[in-house]
């Protein structure tokens, strides 16, 4: 039996934190691919906002609210039990749906820890005051995270210069989220 999907307004501070991969088990659990290697945002909120996959059929339209009964890590994914969802076929029909959580419900990071979403768009400047670009992406390389920057300066072919800087204390001097600035020990010609 399909649950009555509860229409909802996507919160202004909503962040996409994962996608539904598939049904998990026989009782309507969901298998989720988190967008982060540390999926605390999925565990910290008991309300997930769901939007349909961009392509393919969906059992709902717009944004709906899911009330999470339980969520836990399972190998390289997350599995979750949702209130009023106890049918594998219905869970399967949600495949590809996008999961959003309000940023305000994320756990508070420890000192010198940052959510990737908070680093996106920050300007990066070196110790000498040279602007190196804006953070457009972060890459997880296993042992460390790498900032991917796009500079306003272009190369000889008119393409923006892209830089990669390891996000480690050896190169990152300071992160000022409010000031929208990361200061690094890195040169423009590296």
Protein backbone atom coordinates (compact mmCIF):
# COMPACT_ATOMS: atom_id res chain seq x y z
CA UNK A 1 0.00 0.00 0.00
CA UNK A 2 1.39 3.38 -1.01
CA UNK A 3 1.61 5.98 1.76
CA UNK A 4 -0.08 9.35 1.41
CA UNK A 5 2.84 11.58 0.44
CA UNK A 6 2.90 14.70 2.62
CA UNK A 7 3.48 17.74 0.39
CA UNK A 8 6.06 20.12 1.81
CA UNK A 9 7.84 23.35 1.06
CA UNK A 10 11.60 22.91 0.62
CA UNK A 11 13.29 24.88 3.44
CA UNK A 12 15.27 27.94 2.33
CA UNK A 13 18.45 26.43 3.82
CA UNK A 14 17.93 22.95 2.31
CA UNK A 15 21.03 21.09 1.16
CA UNK A 16 20.96 17.99 -1.04
CA UNK A 17 22.67 15.30 1.04
CA UNK A 18 22.00 12.10 -0.92
CA UNK A 19 19.94 10.06 -3.37
CA UNK A 20 17.86 6.94 -2.96
CA UNK A 21 19.68 4.04 -4.62
CA UNK A 22 17.13 1.30 -4.13
CA UNK A 23 14.85 -0.55 -1.76
CA UNK A 24 16.67 -2.45 1.00
CA UNK A 25 15.22 -5.59 2.48
CA UNK A 26 11.60 -6.70 2.34
CA UNK A 27 9.97 -4.20 4.69
CA UNK A 28 10.27 -0.97 2.72
CA UNK A 29 13.65 0.28 3.93
CA UNK A 30 15.59 2.60 1.63
CA UNK A 31 19.21 2.30 0.54
CA UNK A 32 20.78 5.75 0.17
CA UNK A 33 23.94 7.02 -1.47
CA UNK A 34 25.12 9.94 0.70
CA UNK A 35 26.91 12.83 -1.00
CA UNK A 36 29.46 12.90 1.82
CA UNK A 37 31.85 10.30 3.16
CA UNK A 38 30.61 11.35 6.62
CA UNK A 39 26.80 11.28 6.37
CA UNK A 40 26.06 12.90 9.76
CA UNK A 41 23.50 15.22 8.17
CA UNK A 42 21.37 12.21 7.23
CA UNK A 43 21.50 10.95 10.82
CA UNK A 44 20.97 14.32 12.51
CA UNK A 45 17.60 15.07 10.94
CA UNK A 46 14.43 13.05 11.44
CA UNK A 47 12.76 14.95 8.58
CA UNK A 48 13.97 14.51 5.03
CA UNK A 49 12.61 16.45 2.10
CA UNK A 50 12.37 14.41 -1.07
CA UNK A 51 12.25 15.58 -4.67
CA UNK A 52 11.78 13.27 -7.65
CA UNK A 53 14.58 12.11 -9.88
CA UNK A 54 15.10 14.44 -12.87
CA UNK A 55 14.36 11.60 -15.27
CA UNK A 56 11.97 8.72 -14.96
CA UNK A 57 8.68 8.12 -13.21
CA UNK A 58 8.05 9.03 -9.59
CA UNK A 59 5.15 8.21 -7.27
CA UNK A 60 4.94 11.88 -6.22
CA UNK A 61 5.57 15.34 -7.63
CA UNK A 62 7.04 18.46 -6.11
CA UNK A 63 8.56 18.13 -2.64
CA UNK A 64 7.38 15.68 0.00
CA UNK A 65 8.32 15.22 3.64
CA UNK A 66 9.57 11.88 4.93
CA UNK A 67 9.69 11.20 8.66
CA UNK A 68 12.70 9.03 9.46
CA UNK A 69 12.23 6.29 12.02
CA UNK A 70 15.81 4.98 11.84
CA UNK A 71 18.91 5.54 9.71
CA UNK A 72 22.24 3.76 9.94
CA UNK A 73 25.41 3.14 7.98
CA UNK A 74 25.59 -0.02 5.93
CA UNK A 75 28.93 -0.64 4.15
CA UNK A 76 29.38 2.30 1.73
CA UNK A 77 25.79 3.53 1.96
CA UNK A 78 23.06 4.43 4.45
CA UNK A 79 19.87 2.46 5.03
CA UNK A 80 16.76 4.06 6.48
CA UNK A 81 13.34 3.10 7.76
CA UNK A 82 10.65 5.70 7.06
CA UNK A 83 7.40 6.07 9.02
CA UNK A 84 4.39 4.80 7.03
CA UNK A 85 6.60 3.13 4.41
CA UNK A 86 6.59 -0.64 4.80
CA UNK A 87 6.31 -1.87 1.22
CA UNK A 88 9.36 -2.87 -0.82
CA UNK A 89 7.66 -2.00 -4.13
CA UNK A 90 6.90 1.54 -2.94
CA UNK A 91 10.46 1.90 -1.65
CA UNK A 92 11.70 0.69 -5.05
CA UNK A 93 9.57 3.34 -6.81
CA UNK A 94 11.57 6.06 -4.99
CA UNK A 95 14.82 5.04 -6.70
CA UNK A 96 16.76 8.11 -7.80
CA UNK A 97 14.84 10.58 -5.61
CA UNK A 98 16.93 13.41 -4.15
CA UNK A 99 17.14 13.86 -0.36
CA UNK A 100 17.40 17.32 1.18
CA UNK A 101 17.98 18.27 4.82
CA UNK A 102 17.84 21.79 6.31
CA UNK A 103 21.37 23.12 6.93
CA UNK A 104 20.16 24.27 10.36
CA UNK A 105 19.71 20.62 11.40
CA UNK A 106 23.31 19.61 10.63
CA UNK A 107 25.35 18.76 13.74
CA UNK A 108 27.69 21.53 14.86
CA UNK A 109 31.17 20.79 13.48
CA UNK A 110 34.15 20.65 15.82
CA UNK A 111 36.74 23.41 15.80
CA UNK A 112 38.68 23.35 12.51
CA UNK A 113 36.08 21.08 10.90
CA UNK A 114 33.89 22.31 8.06
CA UNK A 115 31.06 21.05 5.94
CA UNK A 116 31.93 21.02 2.27
CA UNK A 117 28.80 22.99 1.47
CA UNK A 118 30.09 25.82 3.69
CA UNK A 119 33.39 26.00 1.77
CA UNK A 120 31.81 26.21 -1.68
CA UNK A 121 32.03 29.71 -3.13
CA UNK A 122 34.66 30.95 -0.68
CA UNK A 123 37.46 33.08 -2.11
CA UNK A 124 40.99 31.70 -1.64
CA UNK A 125 43.87 34.12 -1.09
CA UNK A 126 47.52 33.38 -0.34
CA UNK A 127 49.67 34.92 2.41
CA UNK A 128 50.90 37.59 0.00
CA UNK A 129 47.32 38.74 -0.68
CA UNK A 130 47.07 37.24 -4.19
CA UNK A 131 43.59 35.96 -5.03
CA UNK A 132 43.87 32.38 -6.28
CA UNK A 133 40.23 31.78 -7.12
CA UNK A 134 36.91 30.62 -5.75
CA UNK A 135 36.16 27.14 -4.39
CA UNK A 136 33.97 25.42 -7.00
CA UNK A 137 34.35 21.84 -5.87
CA UNK A 138 35.93 19.59 -3.27
CA UNK A 139 37.43 16.20 -4.03
CA UNK A 140 37.95 13.38 -1.58
CA UNK A 141 41.21 11.66 -2.47
CA UNK A 142 41.10 9.21 0.44
CA UNK A 143 43.61 10.54 2.92
CA UNK A 144 42.74 14.20 2.32
CA UNK A 145 40.29 16.58 0.71
CA UNK A 146 41.35 18.82 -2.17
CA UNK A 147 39.93 22.28 -2.87
CA UNK A 148 39.24 22.87 -6.56
CA UNK A 149 39.45 26.58 -7.43
CA UNK A 150 38.42 28.52 -10.49
CA UNK A 151 40.27 31.78 -11.02
CA UNK A 152 38.87 34.86 -12.76
CA UNK A 153 42.21 35.01 -14.62
CA UNK A 154 42.28 33.01 -17.85
CA UNK A 155 44.97 31.01 -19.56
CA UNK A 156 46.25 31.74 -23.07
CA UNK A 157 43.15 30.13 -24.61
CA UNK A 158 40.63 32.19 -22.64
CA UNK A 159 39.74 29.38 -20.22
CA UNK A 160 39.63 30.11 -16.46
CA UNK A 161 42.66 28.80 -14.59
CA UNK A 162 41.82 25.88 -12.32
CA UNK A 163 43.88 25.11 -9.24
CA UNK A 164 43.85 22.26 -6.75
CA UNK A 165 45.03 22.80 -3.19
CA UNK A 166 45.12 20.08 -0.53
CA UNK A 167 42.80 21.08 2.32
CA UNK A 168 45.33 20.28 5.05
CA UNK A 169 46.87 22.42 7.79
CA UNK A 170 50.26 22.45 6.02
CA UNK A 171 48.72 24.67 3.31
CA UNK A 172 45.56 26.14 4.84
CA UNK A 173 46.27 28.93 7.33
CA UNK A 174 42.73 30.06 8.13
CA UNK A 175 39.10 29.58 7.14
CA UNK A 176 36.74 32.51 7.70
CA UNK A 177 33.24 31.30 6.85
CA UNK A 178 31.60 34.65 7.73
CA UNK A 179 34.23 36.60 5.78
CA UNK A 180 33.92 34.10 2.88
CA UNK A 181 37.74 33.69 2.74
CA UNK A 182 40.30 30.90 2.99
CA UNK A 183 43.93 31.96 3.48
CA UNK A 184 46.57 29.54 2.21
CA UNK A 185 50.32 29.06 1.93
CA UNK A 186 50.24 28.51 -1.83
CA UNK A 187 51.65 30.39 -4.79
CA UNK A 188 49.83 31.34 -7.99
CA UNK A 189 52.37 29.47 -10.12
CA UNK A 190 52.10 26.11 -8.32
